[in-house]
């Protein structure tokens, strides 16, 4: 992957996982930093616009109940999954099909967080 940014390299590795529909890094103010969207029908700008609200709500929930810092968020829908993790001053978001192996995706998110943070 000569000429590919370090951020794009990390996102591409996650996007190769079976069942992943898209991977985005979103700034804390809701803008796409970079994205790899292998599946059609994923609007990265719409996802990015909503990501900060989801993380703000999860962080407020954690603070209210003394749960500690948010490390990984998983949201399951009827036909899809959304997983997200704070990474420095940004958020990593993975969109996947409902049949995807969630444990494998979670493992890869945790594995790649430090590498992604350094690349940002």
PDB file of N, CA and C in Angstrom:
ATOM      1  N   UNK A   1       0.827  -1.201   0.000  1.00  0.00           N
ATOM      2  CA  UNK A   1       0.000   0.000   0.000  1.00  0.00           C
ATOM      3  C   UNK A   1       0.867   1.259   0.000  1.00  0.00           C
ATOM      4  N   UNK A   2       1.781   1.324  -0.947  1.00  0.00           N
ATOM      5  CA  UNK A   2       2.634   2.493  -1.053  1.00  0.00           C
ATOM      6  C   UNK A   2       1.790   3.726  -1.343  1.00  0.00           C
ATOM      7  N   UNK A   3       2.150   4.828  -0.708  1.00  0.00           N
ATOM      8  CA  UNK A   3       1.426   6.070  -0.922  1.00  0.00           C
ATOM      9  C   UNK A   3       0.135   6.194  -0.146  1.00  0.00           C
ATOM     10  N   UNK A   4      -0.218   5.185   0.611  1.00  0.00           N
ATOM     11  CA  UNK A   4      -1.450   5.220   1.399  1.00  0.00           C
ATOM     12  C   UNK A   4      -1.123   5.751   2.785  1.00  0.00           C
ATOM     13  N   UNK A   5      -1.964   6.639   3.293  1.00  0.00           N
ATOM     14  CA  UNK A   5      -1.722   7.221   4.609  1.00  0.00           C
ATOM     15  C   UNK A   5      -1.811   6.147   5.694  1.00  0.00           C
ATOM     16  N   UNK A   6      -1.120   6.358   6.822  1.00  0.00           N
ATOM     17  CA  UNK A   6      -1.198   5.398   7.929  1.00  0.00           C
ATOM     18  C   UNK A   6      -2.630   5.213   8.448  1.00  0.00           C
ATOM     19  N   UNK A   7      -3.415   6.277   8.444  1.00  0.00           N
ATOM     20  CA  UNK A   7      -4.817   6.169   8.891  1.00  0.00           C
ATOM     21  C   UNK A   7      -5.581   5.268   7.931  1.00  0.00           C
ATOM     22  N   UNK A   8      -5.435   5.502   6.644  1.00  0.00           N
ATOM     23  CA  UNK A   8      -6.144   4.697   5.646  1.00  0.00           C
ATOM     24  C   UNK A   8      -5.714   3.239   5.720  1.00  0.00           C
ATOM     25  N   UNK A   9      -4.456   2.992   6.014  1.00  0.00           N
ATOM     26  CA  UNK A   9      -3.940   1.623   6.123  1.00  0.00           C
ATOM     27  C   UNK A   9      -4.671   0.881   7.242  1.00  0.00           C
ATOM     28  N   UNK A  10      -4.817   1.530   8.397  1.00  0.00           N
ATOM     29  CA  UNK A  10      -5.518   0.903   9.535  1.00  0.00           C
ATOM     30  C   UNK A  10      -6.975   0.650   9.178  1.00  0.00           C
ATOM     31  N   UNK A  11      -7.628   1.658   8.614  1.00  0.00           N
ATOM     32  CA  UNK A  11      -9.045   1.502   8.258  1.00  0.00           C
ATOM     33  C   UNK A  11      -9.239   0.386   7.235  1.00  0.00           C
ATOM     34  N   UNK A  12      -8.349   0.285   6.291  1.00  0.00           N
ATOM     35  CA  UNK A  12      -8.447  -0.754   5.260  1.00  0.00           C
ATOM     36  C   UNK A  12      -8.325  -2.147   5.852  1.00  0.00           C
ATOM     37  N   UNK A  13      -7.460  -2.305   6.837  1.00  0.00           N
ATOM     38  CA  UNK A  13      -7.318  -3.615   7.486  1.00  0.00           C
ATOM     39  C   UNK A  13      -8.610  -4.012   8.200  1.00  0.00           C
ATOM     40  N   UNK A  14      -9.231  -3.063   8.877  1.00  0.00           N
ATOM     41  CA  UNK A  14     -10.488  -3.356   9.575  1.00  0.00           C
ATOM     42  C   UNK A  14     -11.590  -3.632   8.548  1.00  0.00           C
ATOM     43  N   UNK A  15     -11.621  -2.870   7.465  1.00  0.00           N
ATOM     44  CA  UNK A  15     -12.664  -3.018   6.440  1.00  0.00           C
ATOM     45  C   UNK A  15     -12.627  -4.376   5.756  1.00  0.00           C
ATOM     46  N   UNK A  16     -11.482  -5.057   5.803  1.00  0.00           N
ATOM     47  CA  UNK A  16     -11.355  -6.374   5.178  1.00  0.00           C
ATOM     48  C   UNK A  16     -12.037  -7.478   5.976  1.00  0.00           C
ATOM     49  N   UNK A  17     -12.393  -7.200   7.223  1.00  0.00           N
ATOM     50  CA  UNK A  17     -13.039  -8.221   8.046  1.00  0.00           C
ATOM     51  C   UNK A  17     -14.396  -8.585   7.451  1.00  0.00           C
ATOM     52  N   UNK A  18     -14.714  -9.856   7.504  1.00  0.00           N
ATOM     53  CA  UNK A  18     -15.975 -10.335   6.953  1.00  0.00           C
ATOM     54  C   UNK A  18     -17.162  -9.645   7.626  1.00  0.00           C
ATOM     55  N   UNK A  19     -18.076  -9.137   6.814  1.00  0.00           N
ATOM     56  CA  UNK A  19     -19.288  -8.514   7.316  1.00  0.00           C
ATOM     57  C   UNK A  19     -19.182  -7.027   7.587  1.00  0.00           C
ATOM     58  N   UNK A  20     -17.994  -6.444   7.471  1.00  0.00           N
ATOM     59  CA  UNK A  20     -17.831  -5.009   7.719  1.00  0.00           C
ATOM     60  C   UNK A  20     -18.322  -4.235   6.501  1.00  0.00           C
ATOM     61  N   UNK A  21     -19.191  -3.259   6.752  1.00  0.00           N
ATOM     62  CA  UNK A  21     -19.762  -2.439   5.681  1.00  0.00           C
ATOM     63  C   UNK A  21     -19.065  -1.098   5.538  1.00  0.00           C
ATOM     64  N   UNK A  22     -18.394  -0.661   6.597  1.00  0.00           N
ATOM     65  CA  UNK A  22     -17.700   0.615   6.526  1.00  0.00           C
ATOM     66  C   UNK A  22     -16.932   0.893   7.799  1.00  0.00           C
ATOM     67  N   UNK A  23     -15.858   1.671   7.667  1.00  0.00           N
ATOM     68  CA  UNK A  23     -15.028   2.063   8.794  1.00  0.00           C
ATOM     69  C   UNK A  23     -14.726   3.544   8.630  1.00  0.00           C
ATOM     70  N   UNK A  24     -14.946   4.291   9.694  1.00  0.00           N
ATOM     71  CA  UNK A  24     -14.721   5.725   9.636  1.00  0.00           C
ATOM     72  C   UNK A  24     -13.944   6.199  10.846  1.00  0.00           C
ATOM     73  N   UNK A  25     -13.169   7.252  10.648  1.00  0.00           N
ATOM     74  CA  UNK A  25     -12.598   8.002  11.756  1.00  0.00           C
ATOM     75  C   UNK A  25     -13.241   9.375  11.667  1.00  0.00           C
ATOM     76  N   UNK A  26     -13.861   9.773  12.774  1.00  0.00           N
ATOM     77  CA  UNK A  26     -14.642  10.998  12.811  1.00  0.00           C
ATOM     78  C   UNK A  26     -14.060  11.914  13.884  1.00  0.00           C
ATOM     79  N   UNK A  27     -13.906  13.188  13.563  1.00  0.00           N
ATOM     80  CA  UNK A  27     -13.432  14.146  14.557  1.00  0.00           C
ATOM     81  C   UNK A  27     -14.507  14.342  15.622  1.00  0.00           C
ATOM     82  N   UNK A  28     -14.099  14.817  16.782  1.00  0.00           N
ATOM     83  CA  UNK A  28     -15.063  15.001  17.867  1.00  0.00           C
ATOM     84  C   UNK A  28     -16.081  16.092  17.574  1.00  0.00           C
ATOM     85  N   UNK A  29     -15.852  16.861  16.513  1.00  0.00           N
ATOM     86  CA  UNK A  29     -16.867  17.842  16.116  1.00  0.00           C
ATOM     87  C   UNK A  29     -17.704  17.362  14.925  1.00  0.00           C
ATOM     88  N   UNK A  30     -17.596  16.061  14.592  1.00  0.00           N
ATOM     89  CA  UNK A  30     -18.528  15.451  13.656  1.00  0.00           C
ATOM     90  C   UNK A  30     -18.145  15.455  12.189  1.00  0.00           C
ATOM     91  N   UNK A  31     -16.862  15.616  11.879  1.00  0.00           N
ATOM     92  CA  UNK A  31     -16.434  15.600  10.482  1.00  0.00           C
ATOM     93  C   UNK A  31     -15.621  14.345  10.183  1.00  0.00           C
ATOM     94  N   UNK A  32     -15.773  13.829   8.975  1.00  0.00           N
ATOM     95  CA  UNK A  32     -15.032  12.642   8.564  1.00  0.00           C
ATOM     96  C   UNK A  32     -13.561  13.019   8.384  1.00  0.00           C
ATOM     97  N   UNK A  33     -12.689  12.314   9.095  1.00  0.00           N
ATOM     98  CA  UNK A  33     -11.247  12.462   8.897  1.00  0.00           C
ATOM     99  C   UNK A  33     -10.812  11.558   7.752  1.00  0.00           C
ATOM    100  N   UNK A  34     -11.288  10.328   7.783  1.00  0.00           N
ATOM    101  CA  UNK A  34     -11.031   9.379   6.700  1.00  0.00           C
ATOM    102  C   UNK A  34     -12.059   8.261   6.813  1.00  0.00           C
ATOM    103  N   UNK A  35     -12.279   7.568   5.714  1.00  0.00           N
ATOM    104  CA  UNK A  35     -13.266   6.486   5.706  1.00  0.00           C
ATOM    105  C   UNK A  35     -12.935   5.476   4.617  1.00  0.00           C
ATOM    106  N   UNK A  36     -13.269   4.235   4.906  1.00  0.00           N
ATOM    107  CA  UNK A  36     -13.221   3.163   3.912  1.00  0.00           C
ATOM    108  C   UNK A  36     -14.599   2.532   3.936  1.00  0.00           C
ATOM    109  N   UNK A  37     -15.309   2.676   2.837  1.00  0.00           N
ATOM    110  CA  UNK A  37     -16.695   2.201   2.758  1.00  0.00           C
ATOM    111  C   UNK A  37     -16.790   1.184   1.616  1.00  0.00           C
ATOM    112  N   UNK A  38     -16.558  -0.121   1.917  1.00  0.00           N
ATOM    113  CA  UNK A  38     -16.610  -1.115   0.853  1.00  0.00           C
ATOM    114  C   UNK A  38     -18.029  -1.453   0.381  1.00  0.00           C
ATOM    115  N   UNK A  39     -19.029  -1.169   1.178  1.00  0.00           N
ATOM    116  CA  UNK A  39     -20.409  -1.512   0.812  1.00  0.00           C
ATOM    117  C   UNK A  39     -21.139  -0.277   0.295  1.00  0.00           C
ATOM    118  N   UNK A  40     -22.019  -0.478  -0.643  1.00  0.00           N
ATOM    119  CA  UNK A  40     -22.833   0.618  -1.159  1.00  0.00           C
ATOM    120  C   UNK A  40     -23.904   0.984  -0.136  1.00  0.00           C
ATOM    121  N   UNK A  41     -24.352   2.200  -0.184  1.00  0.00           N
ATOM    122  CA  UNK A  41     -25.469   2.614   0.647  1.00  0.00           C
ATOM    123  C   UNK A  41     -25.109   3.159   2.014  1.00  0.00           C
ATOM    124  N   UNK A  42     -23.818   3.362   2.305  1.00  0.00           N
ATOM    125  CA  UNK A  42     -23.424   3.947   3.581  1.00  0.00           C
ATOM    126  C   UNK A  42     -23.029   5.394   3.331  1.00  0.00           C
ATOM    127  N   UNK A  43     -23.761   6.318   3.897  1.00  0.00           N
ATOM    128  CA  UNK A  43     -23.495   7.739   3.742  1.00  0.00           C
ATOM    129  C   UNK A  43     -22.565   8.178   4.869  1.00  0.00           C
ATOM    130  N   UNK A  44     -21.277   8.302   4.570  1.00  0.00           N
ATOM    131  CA  UNK A  44     -20.289   8.589   5.598  1.00  0.00           C
ATOM    132  C   UNK A  44     -20.521   9.936   6.271  1.00  0.00           C
ATOM    133  N   UNK A  45     -20.993  10.923   5.545  1.00  0.00           N
ATOM    134  CA  UNK A  45     -21.225  12.230   6.153  1.00  0.00           C
ATOM    135  C   UNK A  45     -22.395  12.194   7.136  1.00  0.00           C
ATOM    136  N   UNK A  46     -23.428  11.427   6.808  1.00  0.00           N
ATOM    137  CA  UNK A  46     -24.564  11.287   7.722  1.00  0.00           C
ATOM    138  C   UNK A  46     -24.146  10.543   8.987  1.00  0.00           C
ATOM    139  N   UNK A  47     -23.350   9.489   8.815  1.00  0.00           N
ATOM    140  CA  UNK A  47     -22.850   8.746   9.979  1.00  0.00           C
ATOM    141  C   UNK A  47     -22.026   9.677  10.864  1.00  0.00           C
ATOM    142  N   UNK A  48     -21.100  10.401  10.257  1.00  0.00           N
ATOM    143  CA  UNK A  48     -20.216  11.282  11.012  1.00  0.00           C
ATOM    144  C   UNK A  48     -20.994  12.350  11.787  1.00  0.00           C
ATOM    145  N   UNK A  49     -22.045  12.865  11.175  1.00  0.00           N
ATOM    146  CA  UNK A  49     -22.824  13.913  11.822  1.00  0.00           C
ATOM    147  C   UNK A  49     -23.500  13.422  13.095  1.00  0.00           C
ATOM    148  N   UNK A  50     -23.790  12.140  13.175  1.00  0.00           N
ATOM    149  CA  UNK A  50     -24.489  11.591  14.339  1.00  0.00           C
ATOM    150  C   UNK A  50     -23.555  10.978  15.380  1.00  0.00           C
ATOM    151  N   UNK A  51     -22.345  10.675  14.990  1.00  0.00           N
ATOM    152  CA  UNK A  51     -21.426   9.969  15.870  1.00  0.00           C
ATOM    153  C   UNK A  51     -21.139  10.728  17.166  1.00  0.00           C
ATOM    154  N   UNK A  52     -20.881  12.016  17.052  1.00  0.00           N
ATOM    155  CA  UNK A  52     -20.540  12.770  18.269  1.00  0.00           C
ATOM    156  C   UNK A  52     -21.693  12.762  19.267  1.00  0.00           C
ATOM    157  N   UNK A  53     -22.914  12.847  18.797  1.00  0.00           N
ATOM    158  CA  UNK A  53     -24.068  12.801  19.709  1.00  0.00           C
ATOM    159  C   UNK A  53     -24.154  11.464  20.437  1.00  0.00           C
ATOM    160  N   UNK A  54     -23.886  10.373  19.709  1.00  0.00           N
ATOM    161  CA  UNK A  54     -23.924   9.048  20.329  1.00  0.00           C
ATOM    162  C   UNK A  54     -22.848   8.927  21.406  1.00  0.00           C
ATOM    163  N   UNK A  55     -21.645   9.381  21.096  1.00  0.00           N
ATOM    164  CA  UNK A  55     -20.560   9.296  22.070  1.00  0.00           C
ATOM    165  C   UNK A  55     -20.793  10.234  23.252  1.00  0.00           C
ATOM    166  N   UNK A  56     -21.330  11.418  22.989  1.00  0.00           N
ATOM    167  CA  UNK A  56     -21.635  12.339  24.088  1.00  0.00           C
ATOM    168  C   UNK A  56     -22.662  11.726  25.033  1.00  0.00           C
ATOM    169  N   UNK A  57     -23.700  11.097  24.477  1.00  0.00           N
ATOM    170  CA  UNK A  57     -24.723  10.469  25.308  1.00  0.00           C
ATOM    171  C   UNK A  57     -24.140   9.322  26.129  1.00  0.00           C
ATOM    172  N   UNK A  58     -23.309   8.492  25.501  1.00  0.00           N
ATOM    173  CA  UNK A  58     -22.692   7.364  26.215  1.00  0.00           C
ATOM    174  C   UNK A  58     -21.749   7.856  27.310  1.00  0.00           C
ATOM    175  N   UNK A  59     -21.016   8.919  27.040  1.00  0.00           N
ATOM    176  CA  UNK A  59     -20.103   9.488  28.032  1.00  0.00           C
ATOM    177  C   UNK A  59     -20.881  10.082  29.206  1.00  0.00           C
ATOM    178  N   UNK A  60     -21.963  10.785  28.920  1.00  0.00           N
ATOM    179  CA  UNK A  60     -22.803  11.342  29.985  1.00  0.00           C
ATOM    180  C   UNK A  60     -23.431  10.247  30.835  1.00  0.00           C
ATOM    181  N   UNK A  61     -23.873   9.177  30.206  1.00  0.00           N
ATOM    182  CA  UNK A  61     -24.437   8.034  30.919  1.00  0.00           C
ATOM    183  C   UNK A  61     -23.395   7.451  31.868  1.00  0.00           C
ATOM    184  N   UNK A  62     -22.193   7.271  31.352  1.00  0.00           N
ATOM    185  CA  UNK A  62     -21.096   6.722  32.155  1.00  0.00           C
ATOM    186  C   UNK A  62     -20.769   7.623  33.342  1.00  0.00           C
ATOM    187  N   UNK A  63     -20.713   8.908  33.095  1.00  0.00           N
ATOM    188  CA  UNK A  63     -20.406   9.868  34.153  1.00  0.00           C
ATOM    189  C   UNK A  63     -21.504   9.852  35.228  1.00  0.00           C
ATOM    190  N   UNK A  64     -22.753   9.819  34.810  1.00  0.00           N
ATOM    191  CA  UNK A  64     -23.892   9.842  35.734  1.00  0.00           C
ATOM    192  C   UNK A  64     -23.882   8.644  36.672  1.00  0.00           C
ATOM    193  N   UNK A  65     -23.484   7.493  36.157  1.00  0.00           N
ATOM    194  CA  UNK A  65     -23.534   6.274  36.948  1.00  0.00           C
ATOM    195  C   UNK A  65     -22.160   5.782  37.414  1.00  0.00           C
ATOM    196  N   UNK A  66     -21.145   6.612  37.217  1.00  0.00           N
ATOM    197  CA  UNK A  66     -19.814   6.287  37.709  1.00  0.00           C
ATOM    198  C   UNK A  66     -19.228   5.029  37.086  1.00  0.00           C
ATOM    199  N   UNK A  67     -19.397   4.868  35.787  1.00  0.00           N
ATOM    200  CA  UNK A  67     -18.963   3.649  35.105  1.00  0.00           C
ATOM    201  C   UNK A  67     -17.530   3.703  34.581  1.00  0.00           C
ATOM    202  N   UNK A  68     -16.887   4.853  34.660  1.00  0.00           N
ATOM    203  CA  UNK A  68     -15.529   4.988  34.145  1.00  0.00           C
ATOM    204  C   UNK A  68     -15.531   5.475  32.702  1.00  0.00           C
ATOM    205  N   UNK A  69     -14.335   5.554  32.144  1.00  0.00           N
ATOM    206  CA  UNK A  69     -14.189   6.045  30.773  1.00  0.00           C
ATOM    207  C   UNK A  69     -14.749   5.048  29.761  1.00  0.00           C
ATOM    208  N   UNK A  70     -15.354   5.574  28.732  1.00  0.00           N
ATOM    209  CA  UNK A  70     -15.873   4.749  27.643  1.00  0.00           C
ATOM    210  C   UNK A  70     -14.706   4.200  26.823  1.00  0.00           C
ATOM    211  N   UNK A  71     -14.665   2.890  26.653  1.00  0.00           N
ATOM    212  CA  UNK A  71     -13.590   2.300  25.853  1.00  0.00           C
ATOM    213  C   UNK A  71     -14.104   1.710  24.542  1.00  0.00           C
ATOM    214  N   UNK A  72     -15.332   1.204  24.537  1.00  0.00           N
ATOM    215  CA  UNK A  72     -15.899   0.631  23.322  1.00  0.00           C
ATOM    216  C   UNK A  72     -17.417   0.620  23.445  1.00  0.00           C
ATOM    217  N   UNK A  73     -18.086   1.034  22.385  1.00  0.00           N
ATOM    218  CA  UNK A  73     -19.538   1.075  22.371  1.00  0.00           C
ATOM    219  C   UNK A  73     -20.029   0.157  21.257  1.00  0.00           C
ATOM    220  N   UNK A  74     -21.016  -0.671  21.570  1.00  0.00           N
ATOM    221  CA  UNK A  74     -21.616  -1.564  20.578  1.00  0.00           C
ATOM    222  C   UNK A  74     -23.115  -1.330  20.554  1.00  0.00           C
ATOM    223  N   UNK A  75     -23.640  -1.091  19.372  1.00  0.00           N
ATOM    224  CA  UNK A  75     -25.077  -0.899  19.207  1.00  0.00           C
ATOM    225  C   UNK A  75     -25.548  -1.940  18.194  1.00  0.00           C
ATOM    226  N   UNK A  76     -26.523  -2.743  18.601  1.00  0.00           N
ATOM    227  CA  UNK A  76     -27.043  -3.780  17.715  1.00  0.00           C
ATOM    228  C   UNK A  76     -28.422  -3.379  17.210  1.00  0.00           C
ATOM    229  N   UNK A  77     -28.589  -3.453  15.909  1.00  0.00           N
ATOM    230  CA  UNK A  77     -29.857  -3.163  15.253  1.00  0.00           C
ATOM    231  C   UNK A  77     -30.388  -4.457  14.652  1.00  0.00           C
ATOM    232  N   UNK A  78     -31.579  -4.423  14.097  1.00  0.00           N
ATOM    233  CA  UNK A  78     -32.170  -5.628  13.521  1.00  0.00           C
ATOM    234  C   UNK A  78     -31.300  -6.216  12.411  1.00  0.00           C
ATOM    235  N   UNK A  79     -30.701  -5.372  11.576  1.00  0.00           N
ATOM    236  CA  UNK A  79     -29.933  -5.860  10.433  1.00  0.00           C
ATOM    237  C   UNK A  79     -28.485  -5.399  10.400  1.00  0.00           C
ATOM    238  N   UNK A  80     -28.041  -4.709  11.424  1.00  0.00           N
ATOM    239  CA  UNK A  80     -26.692  -4.150  11.394  1.00  0.00           C
ATOM    240  C   UNK A  80     -26.131  -3.979  12.791  1.00  0.00           C
ATOM    241  N   UNK A  81     -24.842  -3.707  12.836  1.00  0.00           N
ATOM    242  CA  UNK A  81     -24.138  -3.391  14.073  1.00  0.00           C
ATOM    243  C   UNK A  81     -23.366  -2.095  13.866  1.00  0.00           C
ATOM    244  N   UNK A  82     -23.215  -1.341  14.926  1.00  0.00           N
ATOM    245  CA  UNK A  82     -22.335  -0.177  14.920  1.00  0.00           C
ATOM    246  C   UNK A  82     -21.446  -0.295  16.147  1.00  0.00           C
ATOM    247  N   UNK A  83     -20.149  -0.261  15.934  1.00  0.00           N
ATOM    248  CA  UNK A  83     -19.199  -0.331  17.035  1.00  0.00           C
ATOM    249  C   UNK A  83     -18.346   0.921  16.971  1.00  0.00           C
ATOM    250  N   UNK A  84     -18.048   1.477  18.121  1.00  0.00           N
ATOM    251  CA  UNK A  84     -17.254   2.690  18.134  1.00  0.00           C
ATOM    252  C   UNK A  84     -16.347   2.758  19.333  1.00  0.00           C
ATOM    253  N   UNK A  85     -15.240   3.464  19.158  1.00  0.00           N
ATOM    254  CA  UNK A  85     -14.268   3.628  20.233  1.00  0.00           C
ATOM    255  C   UNK A  85     -13.630   5.002  20.123  1.00  0.00           C
ATOM    256  N   UNK A  86     -13.442   5.670  21.261  1.00  0.00           N
ATOM    257  CA  UNK A  86     -12.691   6.918  21.221  1.00  0.00           C
ATOM    258  C   UNK A  86     -11.225   6.613  20.939  1.00  0.00           C
ATOM    259  N   UNK A  87     -10.625   7.440  20.090  1.00  0.00           N
ATOM    260  CA  UNK A  87      -9.219   7.284  19.733  1.00  0.00           C
ATOM    261  C   UNK A  87      -8.602   8.686  19.739  1.00  0.00           C
ATOM    262  N   UNK A  88      -7.988   9.056  20.842  1.00  0.00           N
ATOM    263  CA  UNK A  88      -7.428  10.400  20.951  1.00  0.00           C
ATOM    264  C   UNK A  88      -8.530  11.435  20.836  1.00  0.00           C
ATOM    265  N   UNK A  89      -8.367  12.354  19.889  1.00  0.00           N
ATOM    266  CA  UNK A  89      -9.355  13.410  19.673  1.00  0.00           C
ATOM    267  C   UNK A  89     -10.342  13.058  18.566  1.00  0.00           C
ATOM    268  N   UNK A  90     -10.564  11.770  18.378  1.00  0.00           N
ATOM    269  CA  UNK A  90     -11.463  11.309  17.320  1.00  0.00           C
ATOM    270  C   UNK A  90     -12.192  10.050  17.781  1.00  0.00           C
ATOM    271  N   UNK A  91     -13.074   9.574  16.923  1.00  0.00           N
ATOM    272  CA  UNK A  91     -13.805   8.336  17.174  1.00  0.00           C
ATOM    273  C   UNK A  91     -13.618   7.398  15.989  1.00  0.00           C
ATOM    274  N   UNK A  92     -13.400   6.136  16.291  1.00  0.00           N
ATOM    275  CA  UNK A  92     -13.359   5.090  15.278  1.00  0.00           C
ATOM    276  C   UNK A  92     -14.728   4.433  15.270  1.00  0.00           C
ATOM    277  N   UNK A  93     -15.334   4.320  14.096  1.00  0.00           N
ATOM    278  CA  UNK A  93     -16.667   3.726  13.970  1.00  0.00           C
ATOM    279  C   UNK A  93     -16.612   2.624  12.918  1.00  0.00           C
ATOM    280  N   UNK A  94     -17.142   1.453  13.275  1.00  0.00           N
ATOM    281  CA  UNK A  94     -17.209   0.326  12.349  1.00  0.00           C
ATOM    282  C   UNK A  94     -18.679  -0.042  12.181  1.00  0.00           C
ATOM    283  N   UNK A  95     -19.132  -0.092  10.948  1.00  0.00           N
ATOM    284  CA  UNK A  95     -20.491  -0.517  10.625  1.00  0.00           C
ATOM    285  C   UNK A  95     -20.403  -1.912  10.033  1.00  0.00           C
ATOM    286  N   UNK A  96     -21.252  -2.818  10.527  1.00  0.00           N
ATOM    287  CA  UNK A  96     -21.165  -4.214  10.083  1.00  0.00           C
ATOM    288  C   UNK A  96     -22.554  -4.815   9.924  1.00  0.00           C
ATOM    289  N   UNK A  97     -22.596  -5.901   9.166  1.00  0.00           N
ATOM    290  CA  UNK A  97     -23.835  -6.663   9.018  1.00  0.00           C
ATOM    291  C   UNK A  97     -24.135  -7.379  10.328  1.00  0.00           C
ATOM    292  N   UNK A  98     -25.385  -7.676  10.574  1.00  0.00           N
ATOM    293  CA  UNK A  98     -25.763  -8.318  11.833  1.00  0.00           C
ATOM    294  C   UNK A  98     -25.140  -9.697  12.005  1.00  0.00           C
ATOM    295  N   UNK A  99     -24.802 -10.371  10.929  1.00  0.00           N
ATOM    296  CA  UNK A  99     -24.208 -11.697  11.018  1.00  0.00           C
ATOM    297  C   UNK A  99     -22.691 -11.684  11.171  1.00  0.00           C
ATOM    298  N   UNK A 100     -22.094 -10.502  11.232  1.00  0.00           N
ATOM    299  CA  UNK A 100     -20.636 -10.398  11.361  1.00  0.00           C
ATOM    300  C   UNK A 100     -20.201 -10.940  12.722  1.00  0.00           C
ATOM    301  N   UNK A 101     -18.976 -11.390  12.789  1.00  0.00           N
ATOM    302  CA  UNK A 101     -18.422 -11.916  14.034  1.00  0.00           C
ATOM    303  C   UNK A 101     -17.997 -10.740  14.911  1.00  0.00           C
ATOM    304  N   UNK A 102     -18.860 -10.390  15.857  1.00  0.00           N
ATOM    305  CA  UNK A 102     -18.648  -9.196  16.671  1.00  0.00           C
ATOM    306  C   UNK A 102     -17.376  -9.281  17.511  1.00  0.00           C
ATOM    307  N   UNK A 103     -17.055 -10.455  17.997  1.00  0.00           N
ATOM    308  CA  UNK A 103     -15.842 -10.618  18.793  1.00  0.00           C
ATOM    309  C   UNK A 103     -14.592 -10.310  17.993  1.00  0.00           C
ATOM    310  N   UNK A 104     -14.573 -10.733  16.751  1.00  0.00           N
ATOM    311  CA  UNK A 104     -13.419 -10.466  15.879  1.00  0.00           C
ATOM    312  C   UNK A 104     -13.286  -8.974  15.598  1.00  0.00           C
ATOM    313  N   UNK A 105     -14.414  -8.304  15.368  1.00  0.00           N
ATOM    314  CA  UNK A 105     -14.386  -6.862  15.109  1.00  0.00           C
ATOM    315  C   UNK A 105     -13.930  -6.110  16.356  1.00  0.00           C
ATOM    316  N   UNK A 106     -14.461  -6.485  17.504  1.00  0.00           N
ATOM    317  CA  UNK A 106     -14.048  -5.842  18.758  1.00  0.00           C
ATOM    318  C   UNK A 106     -12.557  -6.027  19.008  1.00  0.00           C
ATOM    319  N   UNK A 107     -12.064  -7.229  18.760  1.00  0.00           N
ATOM    320  CA  UNK A 107     -10.642  -7.513  18.926  1.00  0.00           C
ATOM    321  C   UNK A 107      -9.804  -6.598  18.018  1.00  0.00           C
ATOM    322  N   UNK A 108     -10.219  -6.476  16.774  1.00  0.00           N
ATOM    323  CA  UNK A 108      -9.463  -5.669  15.814  1.00  0.00           C
ATOM    324  C   UNK A 108      -9.504  -4.184  16.191  1.00  0.00           C
ATOM    325  N   UNK A 109     -10.641  -3.712  16.685  1.00  0.00           N
ATOM    326  CA  UNK A 109     -10.723  -2.318  17.136  1.00  0.00           C
ATOM    327  C   UNK A 109      -9.723  -2.082  18.266  1.00  0.00           C
ATOM    328  N   UNK A 110      -9.733  -2.944  19.260  1.00  0.00           N
ATOM    329  CA  UNK A 110      -8.809  -2.783  20.389  1.00  0.00           C
ATOM    330  C   UNK A 110      -7.358  -2.874  19.931  1.00  0.00           C
ATOM    331  N   UNK A 111      -7.089  -3.783  19.025  1.00  0.00           N
ATOM    332  CA  UNK A 111      -5.728  -3.996  18.518  1.00  0.00           C
ATOM    333  C   UNK A 111      -5.218  -2.771  17.751  1.00  0.00           C
ATOM    334  N   UNK A 112      -6.097  -2.110  17.015  1.00  0.00           N
ATOM    335  CA  UNK A 112      -5.688  -1.025  16.123  1.00  0.00           C
ATOM    336  C   UNK A 112      -5.790   0.372  16.742  1.00  0.00           C
ATOM    337  N   UNK A 113      -6.384   0.493  17.939  1.00  0.00           N
ATOM    338  CA  UNK A 113      -6.598   1.826  18.518  1.00  0.00           C
ATOM    339  C   UNK A 113      -5.302   2.615  18.700  1.00  0.00           C
ATOM    340  N   UNK A 114      -4.272   2.019  19.275  1.00  0.00           N
ATOM    341  CA  UNK A 114      -3.019   2.742  19.502  1.00  0.00           C
ATOM    342  C   UNK A 114      -2.335   3.105  18.186  1.00  0.00           C
ATOM    343  N   UNK A 115      -2.374   2.194  17.252  1.00  0.00           N
ATOM    344  CA  UNK A 115      -1.789   2.453  15.932  1.00  0.00           C
ATOM    345  C   UNK A 115      -2.509   3.607  15.238  1.00  0.00           C
ATOM    346  N   UNK A 116      -3.830   3.615  15.340  1.00  0.00           N
ATOM    347  CA  UNK A 116      -4.619   4.687  14.731  1.00  0.00           C
ATOM    348  C   UNK A 116      -4.369   6.020  15.441  1.00  0.00           C
ATOM    349  N   UNK A 117      -4.329   5.982  16.755  1.00  0.00           N
ATOM    350  CA  UNK A 117      -4.076   7.206  17.530  1.00  0.00           C
ATOM    351  C   UNK A 117      -2.730   7.833  17.131  1.00  0.00           C
ATOM    352  N   UNK A 118      -1.719   7.003  16.960  1.00  0.00           N
ATOM    353  CA  UNK A 118      -0.397   7.503  16.545  1.00  0.00           C
ATOM    354  C   UNK A 118      -0.448   8.096  15.138  1.00  0.00           C
ATOM    355  N   UNK A 119      -1.297   7.529  14.278  1.00  0.00           N
ATOM    356  CA  UNK A 119      -1.400   7.999  12.891  1.00  0.00           C
ATOM    357  C   UNK A 119      -2.175   9.302  12.770  1.00  0.00           C
ATOM    358  N   UNK A 120      -3.021   9.569  13.759  1.00  0.00           N
ATOM    359  CA  UNK A 120      -3.793  10.807  13.717  1.00  0.00           C
ATOM    360  C   UNK A 120      -2.910  11.935  14.128  1.00  0.00           C
TER     361      UNK A 120
END
